[in-house]
């Protein structure tokens, strides 16, 4: 989505989410700002020091396969409901292509053992 991100991640140990989010935000902020600075008139409307991410994030613990499927469906349908694409597999940044046709989406996708 243009203004937010949904992700399902899991870790083998408790307490790893905060460090993961911190590092993800730091790395992606640098990459996004570099991309926008080099290629976009849109980006010039905003001060370079403005943050890309809010300080907080919302986490939701998932404990069943049914809940994983519910959250994946919501995430895959989000760009369709917002009118950005007509089919879930058309959204470039979605994992839907992997689940529908087995195509790579650029990141490893697996199923946790609950």
N, C-alpha and C. Protein backbone atom coordinates (compact mmCIF):
# COMPACT_ATOMS: atom_id res chain seq x y z
N UNK A 1 0.84 -1.17 0.00
CA UNK A 1 0.00 0.00 0.00
C UNK A 1 0.89 1.24 0.00
N UNK A 2 0.45 2.31 -0.59
CA UNK A 2 1.30 3.50 -0.66
C UNK A 2 1.62 4.13 0.70
N UNK A 3 0.75 3.93 1.67
CA UNK A 3 0.95 4.62 2.94
C UNK A 3 1.13 3.71 4.16
N UNK A 4 1.23 2.41 3.95
CA UNK A 4 1.47 1.49 5.06
C UNK A 4 1.92 0.12 4.54
N UNK A 5 2.38 -0.69 5.46
CA UNK A 5 2.90 -2.01 5.12
C UNK A 5 2.26 -3.06 6.01
N UNK A 6 1.93 -4.19 5.43
CA UNK A 6 1.50 -5.35 6.18
C UNK A 6 2.55 -6.43 5.98
N UNK A 7 2.90 -7.14 7.04
CA UNK A 7 3.86 -8.24 6.90
C UNK A 7 3.55 -9.30 7.94
N UNK A 8 3.70 -10.55 7.54
CA UNK A 8 3.63 -11.66 8.49
C UNK A 8 5.05 -12.17 8.68
N UNK A 9 5.55 -12.09 9.87
CA UNK A 9 6.89 -12.58 10.18
C UNK A 9 6.82 -13.41 11.45
N UNK A 10 7.71 -14.37 11.56
CA UNK A 10 7.78 -15.15 12.79
C UNK A 10 9.23 -15.46 13.10
N UNK A 11 9.48 -15.71 14.36
CA UNK A 11 10.83 -15.94 14.84
C UNK A 11 10.87 -17.19 15.70
N UNK A 12 12.03 -17.80 15.76
CA UNK A 12 12.20 -19.00 16.59
C UNK A 12 12.22 -18.68 18.08
N UNK A 13 12.59 -17.44 18.39
CA UNK A 13 12.71 -17.06 19.81
C UNK A 13 11.86 -15.83 20.10
N UNK A 14 11.43 -15.71 21.33
CA UNK A 14 10.67 -14.56 21.79
C UNK A 14 11.60 -13.35 21.88
N UNK A 15 11.08 -12.16 21.61
CA UNK A 15 11.82 -10.94 21.82
C UNK A 15 12.62 -10.44 20.63
N UNK A 16 12.42 -11.02 19.45
CA UNK A 16 13.20 -10.61 18.29
C UNK A 16 12.49 -9.59 17.39
N UNK A 17 11.21 -9.36 17.62
CA UNK A 17 10.43 -8.49 16.73
C UNK A 17 10.92 -7.05 16.76
N UNK A 18 11.16 -6.49 17.92
CA UNK A 18 11.56 -5.08 18.00
C UNK A 18 12.84 -4.79 17.22
N UNK A 19 13.84 -5.64 17.37
CA UNK A 19 15.10 -5.44 16.64
C UNK A 19 14.87 -5.59 15.14
N UNK A 20 14.05 -6.55 14.75
CA UNK A 20 13.75 -6.75 13.34
C UNK A 20 13.09 -5.51 12.75
N UNK A 21 12.07 -4.98 13.42
CA UNK A 21 11.35 -3.80 12.94
C UNK A 21 12.30 -2.60 12.86
N UNK A 22 13.11 -2.39 13.90
CA UNK A 22 14.07 -1.28 13.92
C UNK A 22 15.00 -1.36 12.70
N UNK A 23 15.56 -2.54 12.47
CA UNK A 23 16.50 -2.70 11.36
C UNK A 23 15.81 -2.58 10.00
N UNK A 24 14.61 -3.11 9.91
CA UNK A 24 13.85 -3.02 8.66
C UNK A 24 13.54 -1.57 8.33
N UNK A 25 13.08 -0.81 9.32
CA UNK A 25 12.77 0.60 9.10
C UNK A 25 14.02 1.38 8.71
N UNK A 26 15.11 1.13 9.39
CA UNK A 26 16.35 1.85 9.10
C UNK A 26 16.82 1.57 7.67
N UNK A 27 16.89 0.32 7.32
CA UNK A 27 17.37 -0.07 6.00
C UNK A 27 16.44 0.43 4.89
N UNK A 28 15.15 0.22 5.07
CA UNK A 28 14.21 0.64 4.02
C UNK A 28 14.14 2.15 3.91
N UNK A 29 14.26 2.88 5.00
CA UNK A 29 14.23 4.34 4.94
C UNK A 29 15.36 4.87 4.07
N UNK A 30 16.55 4.34 4.27
CA UNK A 30 17.69 4.77 3.46
C UNK A 30 17.44 4.49 1.98
N UNK A 31 16.99 3.29 1.69
CA UNK A 31 16.77 2.90 0.29
C UNK A 31 15.66 3.72 -0.36
N UNK A 32 14.57 3.90 0.35
CA UNK A 32 13.43 4.65 -0.20
C UNK A 32 13.80 6.11 -0.43
N UNK A 33 14.47 6.72 0.55
CA UNK A 33 14.85 8.13 0.39
C UNK A 33 15.84 8.30 -0.77
N UNK A 34 16.78 7.39 -0.91
CA UNK A 34 17.72 7.46 -2.02
C UNK A 34 16.99 7.33 -3.35
N UNK A 35 16.08 6.38 -3.44
CA UNK A 35 15.30 6.18 -4.66
C UNK A 35 14.48 7.43 -4.99
N UNK A 36 13.78 7.96 -4.00
CA UNK A 36 12.93 9.12 -4.24
C UNK A 36 13.73 10.36 -4.58
N UNK A 37 14.86 10.54 -3.94
CA UNK A 37 15.71 11.71 -4.20
C UNK A 37 16.22 11.69 -5.63
N UNK A 38 16.56 10.52 -6.12
CA UNK A 38 17.12 10.40 -7.46
C UNK A 38 16.08 10.41 -8.57
N UNK A 39 14.82 10.09 -8.25
CA UNK A 39 13.91 9.82 -9.37
C UNK A 39 12.54 10.47 -9.30
N UNK A 40 12.27 11.32 -8.33
CA UNK A 40 10.88 11.72 -8.19
C UNK A 40 10.68 13.20 -7.89
N UNK A 41 9.84 13.82 -8.66
CA UNK A 41 9.43 15.20 -8.36
C UNK A 41 8.53 15.20 -7.11
N UNK A 42 7.80 14.13 -6.94
CA UNK A 42 6.93 13.98 -5.77
C UNK A 42 7.72 14.11 -4.47
N UNK A 43 8.88 13.50 -4.42
CA UNK A 43 9.69 13.50 -3.21
C UNK A 43 10.19 14.88 -2.86
N UNK A 44 10.35 15.74 -3.82
CA UNK A 44 10.87 17.09 -3.57
C UNK A 44 9.90 17.95 -2.78
N UNK A 45 8.66 17.50 -2.63
CA UNK A 45 7.66 18.24 -1.85
C UNK A 45 7.89 18.10 -0.35
N UNK A 46 8.70 17.12 0.06
CA UNK A 46 8.86 16.81 1.48
C UNK A 46 10.28 17.07 1.94
N UNK A 47 10.44 17.62 3.14
CA UNK A 47 11.80 17.82 3.67
C UNK A 47 12.52 16.48 3.83
N UNK A 48 13.81 16.47 3.52
CA UNK A 48 14.60 15.24 3.61
C UNK A 48 14.64 14.67 5.02
N UNK A 49 14.50 15.55 6.03
CA UNK A 49 14.58 15.05 7.40
C UNK A 49 13.28 14.43 7.91
N UNK A 50 12.20 14.55 7.15
CA UNK A 50 10.93 13.94 7.57
C UNK A 50 11.08 12.42 7.63
N UNK A 51 10.57 11.79 8.69
CA UNK A 51 10.66 10.33 8.78
C UNK A 51 9.69 9.65 7.80
N UNK A 52 10.09 8.49 7.32
CA UNK A 52 9.20 7.70 6.47
C UNK A 52 8.28 6.81 7.30
N UNK A 53 8.73 6.44 8.48
CA UNK A 53 8.00 5.52 9.33
C UNK A 53 7.54 6.21 10.60
N UNK A 54 6.40 5.79 11.11
CA UNK A 54 6.00 6.20 12.45
C UNK A 54 6.87 5.46 13.46
N UNK A 55 6.99 6.01 14.65
CA UNK A 55 7.84 5.38 15.65
C UNK A 55 7.28 4.04 16.11
N UNK A 56 5.99 3.93 16.16
CA UNK A 56 5.36 2.71 16.67
C UNK A 56 4.95 1.79 15.53
N UNK A 57 4.63 0.57 15.90
CA UNK A 57 4.07 -0.38 14.95
C UNK A 57 3.04 -1.22 15.70
N UNK A 58 2.17 -1.85 14.95
CA UNK A 58 1.12 -2.67 15.55
C UNK A 58 1.44 -4.13 15.30
N UNK A 59 1.58 -4.87 16.35
CA UNK A 59 1.83 -6.31 16.19
C UNK A 59 0.60 -7.09 16.66
N UNK A 60 0.43 -8.24 16.08
CA UNK A 60 -0.71 -9.09 16.38
C UNK A 60 -0.20 -10.52 16.41
N UNK A 61 -0.31 -11.16 17.54
CA UNK A 61 0.18 -12.54 17.66
C UNK A 61 -0.82 -13.51 17.05
N UNK A 62 -0.33 -14.38 16.21
CA UNK A 62 -1.15 -15.35 15.50
C UNK A 62 -0.84 -16.74 16.05
N UNK A 63 -1.88 -17.46 16.40
CA UNK A 63 -1.68 -18.75 17.03
C UNK A 63 -2.33 -19.93 16.32
N UNK A 64 -3.03 -19.66 15.21
CA UNK A 64 -3.69 -20.75 14.48
C UNK A 64 -3.50 -20.57 12.98
N UNK A 65 -3.58 -21.68 12.24
CA UNK A 65 -3.51 -21.59 10.78
C UNK A 65 -4.67 -20.79 10.22
N UNK A 66 -5.83 -20.92 10.83
CA UNK A 66 -7.00 -20.18 10.36
C UNK A 66 -6.75 -18.67 10.44
N UNK A 67 -6.10 -18.22 11.50
CA UNK A 67 -5.81 -16.79 11.66
C UNK A 67 -4.76 -16.33 10.65
N UNK A 68 -3.77 -17.19 10.35
CA UNK A 68 -2.78 -16.85 9.32
C UNK A 68 -3.49 -16.66 7.98
N UNK A 69 -4.36 -17.58 7.65
CA UNK A 69 -5.09 -17.49 6.38
C UNK A 69 -5.98 -16.25 6.34
N UNK A 70 -6.62 -15.93 7.45
CA UNK A 70 -7.46 -14.73 7.53
C UNK A 70 -6.62 -13.47 7.27
N UNK A 71 -5.46 -13.38 7.92
CA UNK A 71 -4.60 -12.20 7.77
C UNK A 71 -4.02 -12.12 6.35
N UNK A 72 -3.62 -13.25 5.78
CA UNK A 72 -3.11 -13.25 4.41
C UNK A 72 -4.19 -12.81 3.42
N UNK A 73 -5.39 -13.29 3.60
CA UNK A 73 -6.50 -12.89 2.72
C UNK A 73 -6.73 -11.39 2.81
N UNK A 74 -6.74 -10.87 4.03
CA UNK A 74 -6.91 -9.43 4.23
C UNK A 74 -5.80 -8.66 3.51
N UNK A 75 -4.54 -9.09 3.71
CA UNK A 75 -3.41 -8.40 3.09
C UNK A 75 -3.48 -8.47 1.57
N UNK A 76 -3.83 -9.63 1.03
CA UNK A 76 -3.90 -9.79 -0.42
C UNK A 76 -5.06 -9.00 -1.02
N UNK A 77 -6.15 -8.86 -0.30
CA UNK A 77 -7.31 -8.13 -0.82
C UNK A 77 -7.19 -6.61 -0.67
N UNK A 78 -6.31 -6.15 0.20
CA UNK A 78 -6.21 -4.73 0.49
C UNK A 78 -6.03 -3.86 -0.76
N UNK A 79 -5.08 -4.13 -1.66
CA UNK A 79 -4.94 -3.28 -2.85
C UNK A 79 -6.11 -3.39 -3.82
N UNK A 80 -6.81 -4.53 -3.80
CA UNK A 80 -8.00 -4.68 -4.63
C UNK A 80 -9.12 -3.79 -4.08
N UNK A 81 -9.34 -3.87 -2.78
CA UNK A 81 -10.39 -3.05 -2.15
C UNK A 81 -10.13 -1.56 -2.30
N UNK A 82 -8.85 -1.16 -2.32
CA UNK A 82 -8.49 0.25 -2.47
C UNK A 82 -8.53 0.70 -3.93
N UNK A 83 -8.75 -0.24 -4.85
CA UNK A 83 -8.88 0.10 -6.26
C UNK A 83 -7.56 0.24 -7.02
N UNK A 84 -6.47 -0.23 -6.45
CA UNK A 84 -5.17 -0.12 -7.12
C UNK A 84 -5.00 -1.19 -8.20
N UNK A 85 -5.60 -2.35 -8.00
CA UNK A 85 -5.54 -3.45 -8.96
C UNK A 85 -6.89 -4.15 -8.98
N UNK A 86 -7.11 -4.96 -10.01
CA UNK A 86 -8.36 -5.72 -10.09
C UNK A 86 -8.21 -7.12 -9.54
N UNK A 87 -6.99 -7.66 -9.57
CA UNK A 87 -6.74 -9.02 -9.14
C UNK A 87 -5.60 -9.02 -8.12
N UNK A 88 -5.70 -9.88 -7.11
CA UNK A 88 -4.68 -9.88 -6.05
C UNK A 88 -3.27 -10.16 -6.57
N UNK A 89 -3.14 -10.87 -7.66
CA UNK A 89 -1.81 -11.20 -8.18
C UNK A 89 -1.17 -10.03 -8.94
N UNK A 90 -1.91 -8.97 -9.19
CA UNK A 90 -1.39 -7.82 -9.93
C UNK A 90 -0.61 -6.84 -9.05
N UNK A 91 -0.80 -6.88 -7.74
CA UNK A 91 -0.10 -5.94 -6.86
C UNK A 91 1.35 -6.39 -6.73
N UNK A 92 2.24 -5.56 -7.21
CA UNK A 92 3.67 -5.90 -7.34
C UNK A 92 4.31 -6.33 -6.02
N UNK A 93 3.88 -5.77 -4.91
CA UNK A 93 4.54 -6.01 -3.63
C UNK A 93 3.80 -7.04 -2.77
N UNK A 94 2.96 -7.83 -3.37
CA UNK A 94 2.16 -8.81 -2.64
C UNK A 94 2.74 -10.21 -2.76
N UNK A 95 2.49 -11.01 -1.75
CA UNK A 95 2.88 -12.42 -1.80
C UNK A 95 1.81 -13.27 -2.50
N UNK A 96 0.75 -12.66 -2.96
CA UNK A 96 -0.36 -13.41 -3.57
C UNK A 96 0.10 -14.27 -4.74
N UNK A 97 1.04 -13.76 -5.55
CA UNK A 97 1.52 -14.55 -6.70
C UNK A 97 2.11 -15.87 -6.25
N UNK A 98 2.78 -15.86 -5.10
CA UNK A 98 3.36 -17.09 -4.58
C UNK A 98 2.26 -18.09 -4.21
N UNK A 99 1.25 -17.61 -3.52
CA UNK A 99 0.20 -18.51 -3.05
C UNK A 99 -0.74 -18.96 -4.16
N UNK A 100 -0.94 -18.13 -5.18
CA UNK A 100 -1.84 -18.48 -6.27
C UNK A 100 -1.16 -19.34 -7.32
N UNK A 101 0.07 -18.97 -7.70
CA UNK A 101 0.71 -19.68 -8.82
C UNK A 101 2.11 -20.19 -8.52
N UNK A 102 2.58 -20.03 -7.30
CA UNK A 102 3.90 -20.53 -6.93
C UNK A 102 5.05 -19.70 -7.43
N UNK A 103 4.78 -18.50 -7.95
CA UNK A 103 5.83 -17.64 -8.48
C UNK A 103 6.60 -16.95 -7.35
N UNK A 104 7.88 -16.71 -7.59
CA UNK A 104 8.72 -16.01 -6.62
C UNK A 104 8.25 -14.57 -6.48
N UNK A 105 8.34 -14.06 -5.27
CA UNK A 105 8.02 -12.65 -5.02
C UNK A 105 9.22 -11.92 -4.43
N UNK A 106 10.38 -12.53 -4.49
CA UNK A 106 11.61 -11.87 -4.08
C UNK A 106 12.02 -12.05 -2.64
N UNK A 107 11.19 -12.63 -1.83
CA UNK A 107 11.52 -12.92 -0.44
C UNK A 107 11.12 -14.36 -0.13
N UNK A 108 11.83 -15.00 0.80
CA UNK A 108 11.45 -16.38 1.13
C UNK A 108 10.08 -16.44 1.82
N UNK A 109 9.28 -17.39 1.42
CA UNK A 109 7.97 -17.57 2.02
C UNK A 109 7.85 -19.00 2.52
N UNK A 110 7.47 -19.14 3.75
CA UNK A 110 7.29 -20.46 4.33
C UNK A 110 6.08 -20.44 5.24
N UNK A 111 5.79 -21.57 5.80
CA UNK A 111 4.63 -21.71 6.67
C UNK A 111 5.14 -22.12 8.05
N UNK A 112 4.80 -21.35 9.08
CA UNK A 112 5.32 -21.69 10.42
C UNK A 112 4.68 -22.96 10.98
N UNK A 113 5.39 -23.61 11.85
CA UNK A 113 4.82 -24.74 12.57
C UNK A 113 4.26 -24.22 13.87
N UNK A 114 2.95 -24.23 13.99
CA UNK A 114 2.29 -23.69 15.19
C UNK A 114 2.11 -24.75 16.24
